[in-house]
Protein backbone atom coordinates (compact mmCIF):
# COMPACT_ATOMS: atom_id res chain seq x y z
CA MET A 1 132.23 95.36 46.48
CA ILE A 2 130.32 92.47 48.16
CA LEU A 3 133.57 90.41 48.41
CA ARG A 4 135.41 93.39 49.96
CA GLN A 5 132.77 93.56 52.60
CA ILE A 6 132.91 90.07 53.33
CA LEU A 7 136.74 90.05 53.59
CA ARG A 8 136.52 92.98 55.86
CA LEU A 9 133.97 91.37 58.24
CA SER A 10 136.19 88.22 58.32
CA SER A 11 139.28 90.19 59.26
CA LEU A 12 137.26 91.94 62.00
CA PHE A 13 136.05 88.65 63.11
CA HIS A 14 139.69 87.30 63.11
CA SER A 15 140.96 90.12 65.11
CA ALA A 16 138.37 89.65 67.81
CA VAL A 17 138.84 85.94 67.97
CA SER A 18 142.73 86.40 68.03
CA ILE A 19 142.41 88.77 70.92
CA HIS A 20 140.13 86.67 72.89
CA VAL A 21 142.42 83.66 72.47
CA ARG A 22 145.58 85.73 73.45
CA ARG A 23 143.79 86.81 76.65
CA ASN A 24 142.95 83.20 77.44
CA ILE A 25 146.51 81.94 76.91
CA GLY A 26 147.58 84.76 79.25
CA LEU A 27 145.32 83.89 81.91
CA SER A 28 145.88 80.07 81.72
CA ALA A 29 149.71 80.86 82.00
CA VAL A 30 149.25 82.75 85.17
CA VAL A 31 147.06 79.98 86.54
CA PHE A 32 149.95 77.46 85.54
CA ASN A 33 152.39 79.21 87.09
CA LYS A 34 150.64 79.11 90.41
CA THR A 35 150.64 75.29 90.26
CA LYS A 36 154.44 75.01 89.43
CA GLU A 37 157.19 75.52 91.78
CA LEU A 38 158.22 79.37 92.06
CA ASP A 39 161.51 80.58 91.48
CA PRO A 40 163.49 81.02 94.68
CA VAL A 41 163.55 84.65 94.34
CA GLN A 42 159.49 84.87 93.85
CA LYS A 43 159.19 82.44 96.81
CA LEU A 44 161.32 84.91 99.04
CA PHE A 45 159.41 87.78 97.79
CA LEU A 46 156.29 86.22 98.63
CA ASP A 47 157.34 84.93 101.90
CA LYS A 48 158.51 88.46 103.00
CA ILE A 49 155.23 90.14 101.91
CA ARG A 50 153.24 87.42 104.14
CA GLU A 51 155.53 88.11 106.94
CA TYR A 52 154.91 91.82 106.81
CA ASN A 53 151.29 90.99 106.46
CA THR A 54 151.24 89.06 109.78
CA LYS A 55 153.31 91.76 111.55
CA SER A 56 151.11 94.63 110.39
CA LYS A 57 147.93 92.71 111.43
CA GLN A 58 149.57 92.22 114.99
CA ALA A 59 150.87 95.68 115.24
CA GLY A 60 147.90 97.33 113.96
CA GLY A 61 149.36 99.42 111.54
CA PRO A 62 152.88 100.20 109.76
CA VAL A 63 155.62 97.84 110.92
CA ASP A 64 158.85 99.36 112.33
CA ALA A 65 157.48 102.66 112.13
CA GLY A 66 159.26 105.04 114.60
CA PRO A 67 158.05 108.31 116.11
CA ASP A 68 159.44 110.41 113.35
CA PHE A 69 156.74 108.48 110.87
CA GLN A 70 153.90 109.09 113.53
CA LYS A 71 154.94 112.64 113.95
CA ASP A 72 155.01 113.17 109.90
CA MET A 73 151.40 111.29 109.61
CA ASN A 74 149.80 113.46 112.46
CA GLU A 75 151.13 116.63 110.67
CA SER A 76 149.98 115.47 107.34
CA LEU A 77 146.51 114.77 108.67
CA ALA A 78 146.31 118.15 110.25
CA ARG A 79 147.33 119.91 107.08
CA LEU A 80 144.67 117.99 105.28
CA GLN A 81 142.13 118.69 107.97
CA ARG A 82 142.79 122.47 107.61
CA ALA A 83 142.55 122.26 103.52
CA TYR A 84 139.55 119.86 103.28
CA GLY A 85 137.65 120.52 106.66
CA GLU A 86 136.52 118.38 109.31
CA GLY A 87 136.07 114.43 109.15
CA ASP A 88 138.06 111.32 109.74
CA LEU A 89 140.42 111.38 106.81
CA THR A 90 141.63 107.76 107.64
CA LYS A 91 138.47 106.37 106.49
CA PHE A 92 137.03 106.16 102.75
CA PRO A 93 134.10 108.61 102.36
CA GLU A 94 130.47 107.36 102.21
CA PHE A 95 128.57 108.64 99.38
CA LYS A 96 124.62 108.82 99.33
CA PHE A 97 122.99 109.17 96.01
CA GLU A 98 119.41 110.26 96.09
């Protein structure tokens, strides 16, 4: 009976250690990939994301959004204002816990 409990505890310890090791290997693989040269497709994808980020900062909002987008956005905000009341719906609400 004691032997069974010892074996059960050792198997629990083994599973916990194996999960920890797998997570560390997974994280080190991500770090290792950042130092290596990227795949050309990954590099193109990251370049496009960075380019969009700079364009959106310059434009102050969505890039290449036409008047249809702004019209749909205003209609959606008006519909939400009617449904949920007043307030600025473009900002995250502030919570106060007392």
